[in-house]
Amino acid sequence: MDKTGKIVFLCKRNIVRSYFAEIIFSDLYPDFEFESAGVISPDSKIDLAWRSNLLANLGFKDPARNPKSFESIKHDLVEGDIIILLDSDLTGMLSSFITLNPKIKVLGAVNRLPDWAFTFDPFNMNSSDIKLAVARVIFTVHNLLWDRLNLPVSKSSTVFWESNKNFLHEIDAYCKREVSNGNSVVVLKPIPLSYISSSISHVRLFDISDVQIPASASPVIWIPRFEHPFMDQLLLSKTWITIFRQTTALSTFKVIAGGLMHDGKYLYYPLLAGLITHKFEVRARLSETLEVAKQ
């Protein structure tokens, strides 16, 4: 697909979701033009200094600009531009603009992705909620823009479980079955080998920061030797992502992101892991796949 036309991320205030999306995707895909804005004007005195620390923890530099309004940029949008709606309320709020500008493509996650991937407004929430909201934005945007960004489609998929408890209880049987079906498995965070005792003969340890997974004539289970101290930055590194995708494109891999929830709370890390492949699966029990996306 051609790379003409800019991609505009839109949320309510341009403080978290659209702002972070613009910064992160501009870094990951420099051949594309990204912009962001909000439909509500926030208090001009609001403290936004915290964004720099959070972005630095993810491996990005904060340009420290003030929130931008959609009103200030909408007249510059032209045919071929794309608007990504990062809030379910925005479709109604922009109904007049959408009707009057049919040649500007508007994309949203509603009816395309499961509920756990929908972005939510983290305004005035704590840092863990903000990180979850950002991770959902990254996951959602990747799925909406995969073709537009010319990203590779392979036979590999990212696998989630409903909870960490289900994940640890079922990972051994899951790995054993996938290997018997001819699929290699990549676990992105180290797990105790006792959890995959019946599959232990297929386990190979590797350094996840090296990215390159050695070729294997038969299906194997790759598990990191240790937990990377800056895993967030690793999963959002364009170099690491590119090499990892190239490696897993050579044969069928199941990329294990782990459980989506722990103690009733959603986790942000699995969503970051979910940006690696185009396909994803969510498992409730070993015998049941809740959702399978083959986009």
Protein backbone atom coordinates (compact mmCIF):
# COMPACT_ATOMS: atom_id res chain seq x y z
CA MET A 1 0.00 0.00 0.00
CA ASP A 2 1.17 3.57 -0.59
CA LYS A 3 2.48 5.64 2.27
CA THR A 4 0.80 8.90 1.33
CA GLY A 5 -1.50 10.55 3.80
CA LYS A 6 -0.93 11.15 7.47
CA ILE A 7 -2.37 9.11 10.31
CA VAL A 8 -4.10 11.10 13.05
CA PHE A 9 -4.71 9.63 16.50
CA LEU A 10 -7.70 11.12 18.24
CA CYS A 11 -8.84 10.80 21.86
CA LYS A 12 -10.66 13.13 24.23
CA ARG A 13 -7.92 15.40 25.60
CA ASN A 14 -4.68 14.52 23.78
CA ILE A 15 -3.01 13.97 27.15
CA VAL A 16 -2.38 10.22 27.20
CA ARG A 17 -3.76 7.91 24.52
CA SER A 18 -3.37 9.86 21.29
CA TYR A 19 -0.29 11.74 22.54
CA PHE A 20 1.58 8.54 23.43
CA ALA A 21 0.45 6.86 20.20
CA GLU A 22 1.89 9.70 18.11
CA ILE A 23 5.27 9.57 19.88
CA ILE A 24 5.61 5.79 19.89
CA PHE A 25 4.47 5.15 16.33
CA SER A 26 6.52 8.05 14.96
CA ASP A 27 9.58 6.36 16.41
CA LEU A 28 8.67 2.82 15.33
CA TYR A 29 7.63 3.77 11.78
CA PRO A 30 9.52 6.91 10.71
CA ASP A 31 8.48 6.52 7.06
CA PHE A 32 4.93 7.54 8.03
CA GLU A 33 3.55 10.85 9.25
CA PHE A 34 1.62 10.74 12.51
CA GLU A 35 -0.28 13.44 14.38
CA SER A 36 -2.55 13.51 17.41
CA ALA A 37 -5.26 15.68 18.92
CA GLY A 38 -8.19 15.69 21.34
CA VAL A 39 -11.79 16.86 21.06
CA ILE A 40 -11.94 18.37 24.58
CA SER A 41 -9.76 21.29 25.66
CA PRO A 42 -8.11 20.43 29.01
CA ASP A 43 -7.24 22.87 31.77
CA SER A 44 -4.21 24.84 30.57
CA LYS A 45 -2.72 24.66 34.08
CA ILE A 46 -2.73 20.88 34.27
CA ASP A 47 0.60 19.30 35.27
CA LEU A 48 1.90 17.06 32.47
CA ALA A 49 5.47 16.61 33.71
CA TRP A 50 4.79 12.95 34.64
CA ARG A 51 4.56 12.02 30.95
CA SER A 52 8.31 12.43 30.46
CA ASN A 53 9.16 9.80 33.08
CA LEU A 54 6.62 7.31 31.76
CA LEU A 55 7.78 7.75 28.17
CA ALA A 56 11.42 7.41 29.25
CA ASN A 57 10.57 4.11 30.98
CA LEU A 58 9.15 2.92 27.66
CA GLY A 59 12.25 4.08 25.78
CA PHE A 60 10.94 7.30 24.23
CA LYS A 61 11.69 11.02 24.59
CA ASP A 62 8.86 13.36 25.45
CA PRO A 63 8.58 16.37 23.09
CA ALA A 64 6.71 18.05 25.98
CA ARG A 65 4.16 19.82 23.81
CA ASN A 66 0.79 21.00 25.02
CA PRO A 67 -2.42 19.15 24.09
CA LYS A 68 -3.67 19.91 20.60
CA SER A 69 -7.35 20.27 19.68
CA PHE A 70 -9.01 18.51 16.77
CA GLU A 71 -10.61 21.84 15.90
CA SER A 72 -7.13 23.27 15.22
CA ILE A 73 -6.11 20.53 12.77
CA LYS A 74 -9.30 19.32 11.09
CA HIS A 75 -9.17 21.86 8.26
CA ASP A 76 -5.71 20.57 7.27
CA LEU A 77 -6.93 17.01 6.73
CA VAL A 78 -7.20 15.90 3.12
CA GLU A 79 -8.22 12.87 1.08
CA GLY A 80 -6.00 9.92 1.91
CA ASP A 81 -5.52 10.84 5.56
CA ILE A 82 -6.64 8.39 8.23
CA ILE A 83 -8.16 9.15 11.64
CA ILE A 84 -7.84 6.52 14.38
CA LEU A 85 -10.50 6.91 17.06
CA LEU A 86 -9.17 5.88 20.46
CA ASP A 87 -12.42 6.41 22.36
CA SER A 88 -15.80 4.83 21.68
CA ASP A 89 -17.59 8.14 22.35
CA LEU A 90 -15.85 9.93 19.49
CA THR A 91 -17.94 8.45 16.66
CA GLY A 92 -20.98 10.35 17.85
CA MET A 93 -19.03 13.50 18.68
CA LEU A 94 -17.54 13.60 15.17
CA SER A 95 -20.63 12.50 13.25
CA SER A 96 -20.95 15.81 11.36
CA PHE A 97 -17.27 15.86 10.37
CA ILE A 98 -17.39 12.23 9.23
CA THR A 99 -20.50 12.87 7.13
CA LEU A 100 -19.01 15.98 5.49
CA ASN A 101 -15.62 14.34 4.79
CA PRO A 102 -16.32 10.88 3.36
CA LYS A 103 -12.88 10.66 1.70
CA ILE A 104 -11.06 10.82 5.03
CA LYS A 105 -10.92 7.29 6.42
CA VAL A 106 -12.01 6.88 10.04
CA LEU A 107 -11.08 3.71 11.94
CA GLY A 108 -12.06 2.51 15.41
CA ALA A 109 -11.76 -0.67 17.44
CA VAL A 110 -15.49 -1.25 18.01
CA ASN A 111 -16.60 -4.63 16.60
CA ARG A 112 -13.06 -5.35 15.43
CA LEU A 113 -11.31 -6.34 18.64
CA PRO A 114 -12.33 -7.99 21.95
CA ASP A 115 -13.35 -5.89 24.96
CA TRP A 116 -9.99 -6.28 26.71
CA ALA A 117 -8.32 -4.43 23.84
CA PHE A 118 -10.62 -1.38 23.88
CA THR A 119 -8.88 1.79 24.99
CA PHE A 120 -10.27 3.65 28.00
CA ASP A 121 -9.79 7.19 29.22
CA PRO A 122 -7.13 7.15 32.00
CA PHE A 123 -7.55 10.84 32.82
CA ASN A 124 -6.78 11.41 36.54
CA MET A 125 -6.01 7.70 37.05
CA ASN A 126 -2.89 6.20 38.63
CA SER A 127 0.27 5.21 36.77
CA SER A 128 -0.65 1.51 36.43
CA ASP A 129 -3.97 2.40 34.79
CA ILE A 130 -2.21 4.83 32.47
CA LYS A 131 0.30 2.13 31.42
CA LEU A 132 -2.57 -0.27 30.73
CA ALA A 133 -4.38 2.35 28.64
CA VAL A 134 -1.21 3.02 26.62
CA ALA A 135 -0.62 -0.71 26.08
CA ARG A 136 -4.19 -1.13 24.83
CA VAL A 137 -3.69 1.79 22.46
CA ILE A 138 -0.52 0.24 21.02
CA PHE A 139 -2.16 -3.16 20.59
CA THR A 140 -5.32 -1.70 19.04
CA VAL A 141 -3.51 0.62 16.65
CA HIS A 142 -1.23 -2.15 15.42
CA ASN A 143 -4.20 -4.32 14.58
CA LEU A 144 -6.03 -1.48 12.83
CA LEU A 145 -2.99 -0.31 10.84
CA TRP A 146 -1.11 -3.54 10.14
CA ASP A 147 -1.71 -3.47 6.39
CA ARG A 148 -1.32 0.29 6.14
CA LEU A 149 2.11 0.08 7.77
CA ASN A 150 3.14 -2.69 5.35
CA LEU A 151 3.90 -5.06 8.21
CA PRO A 152 4.60 -8.71 7.40
CA VAL A 153 1.93 -11.36 7.76
CA SER A 154 3.22 -14.73 8.87
CA LYS A 155 1.79 -18.00 10.13
CA SER A 156 2.78 -17.13 13.68
CA SER A 157 0.36 -15.84 16.30
CA THR A 158 0.46 -14.38 19.81
CA VAL A 159 -1.33 -16.43 22.46
CA PHE A 160 -3.01 -15.02 25.58
CA TRP A 161 -4.76 -16.72 28.48
CA GLU A 162 -7.62 -15.20 30.43
CA SER A 163 -5.55 -15.21 33.62
CA ASN A 164 -2.07 -16.01 34.90
CA LYS A 165 -3.55 -18.86 36.94
CA ASN A 166 -4.93 -20.55 33.83
CA PHE A 167 -1.71 -19.87 31.97
CA LEU A 168 0.59 -21.54 34.53
CA HIS A 169 -1.82 -24.44 34.97
CA GLU A 170 -2.07 -25.19 31.26
CA ILE A 171 1.23 -24.11 29.70
CA ASP A 172 2.81 -27.59 29.89
CA ALA A 173 0.00 -29.36 28.06
CA TYR A 174 -0.29 -26.49 25.60
CA CYS A 175 3.42 -26.59 24.71
CA LYS A 176 3.38 -30.36 24.38
CA ARG A 177 0.44 -30.24 22.00
CA GLU A 178 1.85 -27.42 19.86
CA VAL A 179 5.21 -29.15 19.47
CA SER A 180 3.45 -32.37 18.48
CA ASN A 181 1.56 -30.35 15.85
CA GLY A 182 4.84 -29.09 14.39
CA ASN A 183 4.77 -25.59 15.91
CA SER A 184 7.61 -24.01 17.84
CA VAL A 185 6.77 -21.98 20.95
CA VAL A 186 8.45 -18.76 22.13
CA VAL A 187 7.83 -17.67 25.72
CA LEU A 188 8.66 -13.98 26.14
CA LYS A 189 9.13 -14.06 29.91
CA PRO A 190 10.98 -16.84 31.76
CA ILE A 191 8.87 -19.40 33.59
CA PRO A 192 10.06 -22.12 36.00
CA LEU A 193 10.88 -25.28 34.09
CA SER A 194 8.80 -27.22 36.62
CA TYR A 195 5.69 -25.83 34.89
CA ILE A 196 6.58 -27.63 31.66
CA SER A 197 7.99 -30.85 33.07
CA SER A 198 6.44 -33.18 30.48
CA SER A 199 7.76 -30.99 27.64
CA ILE A 200 11.22 -30.42 29.12
CA SER A 201 13.04 -32.37 26.41
CA HIS A 202 11.93 -29.78 23.84
CA VAL A 203 13.05 -26.73 25.85
CA ARG A 204 15.86 -24.52 24.61
CA LEU A 205 17.04 -21.50 26.62
CA PHE A 206 17.98 -18.25 24.90
CA ASP A 207 18.87 -14.64 25.64
CA ILE A 208 15.81 -12.61 24.65
CA SER A 209 17.89 -9.46 24.14
CA ASP A 210 19.79 -11.22 21.33
CA VAL A 211 16.48 -11.55 19.43
CA GLN A 212 17.87 -14.14 17.03
CA ILE A 213 16.37 -17.56 17.72
CA PRO A 214 18.69 -20.26 16.34
CA ALA A 215 17.25 -22.39 13.56
CA SER A 216 15.97 -25.80 14.60
CA ALA A 217 15.17 -28.79 12.40
CA SER A 218 12.32 -29.77 14.71
CA PRO A 219 9.78 -27.79 16.78
CA VAL A 220 11.15 -26.56 20.11
CA ILE A 221 10.10 -24.43 23.08
CA TRP A 222 12.20 -21.28 23.51
CA ILE A 223 12.33 -19.81 27.02
CA PRO A 224 14.45 -16.80 28.09
CA ARG A 225 17.34 -17.59 30.44
CA PHE A 226 16.47 -14.57 32.57
CA GLU A 227 14.02 -11.71 32.70
CA HIS A 228 15.20 -8.70 30.75
CA PRO A 229 15.59 -5.69 33.11
CA PHE A 230 14.01 -3.33 30.56
CA MET A 231 11.39 -5.58 29.00
CA ASP A 232 9.04 -2.71 28.15
CA GLN A 233 11.73 -0.96 26.14
CA LEU A 234 12.70 -4.20 24.44
CA LEU A 235 9.18 -4.94 23.26
CA LEU A 236 8.89 -1.38 21.90
CA SER A 237 12.27 -1.29 20.20
CA LYS A 238 11.91 -1.06 16.43
CA THR A 239 15.17 -2.99 15.94
CA TRP A 240 14.12 -5.82 18.25
CA ILE A 241 10.60 -5.99 16.79
CA THR A 242 11.89 -6.09 13.21
CA ILE A 243 14.41 -8.86 13.83
CA PHE A 244 11.99 -10.88 15.95
CA ARG A 245 9.32 -10.72 13.26
CA GLN A 246 11.81 -11.80 10.61
CA THR A 247 12.94 -14.71 12.78
CA THR A 248 9.45 -15.99 13.56
CA ALA A 249 8.35 -15.60 9.94
CA LEU A 250 10.59 -18.50 8.90
CA SER A 251 8.26 -21.13 10.40
CA THR A 252 5.11 -21.36 12.49
CA PHE A 253 5.60 -19.98 16.00
CA LYS A 254 3.26 -19.49 18.92
CA VAL A 255 4.43 -16.39 20.78
CA ILE A 256 3.32 -16.75 24.40
CA ALA A 257 2.27 -13.48 26.03
CA GLY A 258 0.89 -15.12 29.20
CA GLY A 259 -2.22 -14.20 31.16
CA LEU A 260 -4.25 -11.08 30.49
CA MET A 261 -5.31 -10.79 34.14
CA HIS A 262 -3.84 -11.34 37.60
CA ASP A 263 -5.90 -11.13 40.81
CA GLY A 264 -8.78 -9.64 38.84
CA LYS A 265 -6.72 -6.85 37.29
CA TYR A 266 -5.72 -6.54 33.65
CA LEU A 267 -2.00 -6.52 32.91
CA TYR A 268 -0.29 -4.18 30.47
CA TYR A 269 2.71 -6.37 29.58
CA PRO A 270 0.79 -9.00 27.51
CA LEU A 271 -0.69 -6.21 25.40
CA LEU A 272 2.80 -4.94 24.57
CA ALA A 273 3.78 -8.50 23.59
CA GLY A 274 0.71 -8.65 21.38
CA LEU A 275 2.09 -6.17 18.86
CA ILE A 276 4.60 -8.69 17.52
CA THR A 277 2.28 -10.76 15.31
CA HIS A 278 -0.78 -9.99 13.24
CA LYS A 279 -2.79 -12.92 14.53
CA PHE A 280 -3.71 -13.53 18.15
CA GLU A 281 -5.56 -16.12 20.19
CA VAL A 282 -7.14 -15.91 23.63
CA ARG A 283 -7.56 -19.14 25.55
CA ALA A 284 -10.04 -19.81 28.34
CA ARG A 285 -9.17 -23.48 28.79
CA LEU A 286 -6.85 -25.81 26.95
CA SER A 287 -9.73 -27.22 24.92
CA GLU A 288 -11.27 -23.84 24.15
CA THR A 289 -10.11 -20.80 22.21
CA LEU A 290 -12.20 -17.77 23.10
CA GLU A 291 -11.16 -15.50 20.27
CA VAL A 292 -9.00 -16.06 17.24
CA ALA A 293 -8.19 -13.09 15.02
CA LYS A 294 -6.99 -13.84 11.48
CA GLN A 295 -6.90 -10.44 9.93
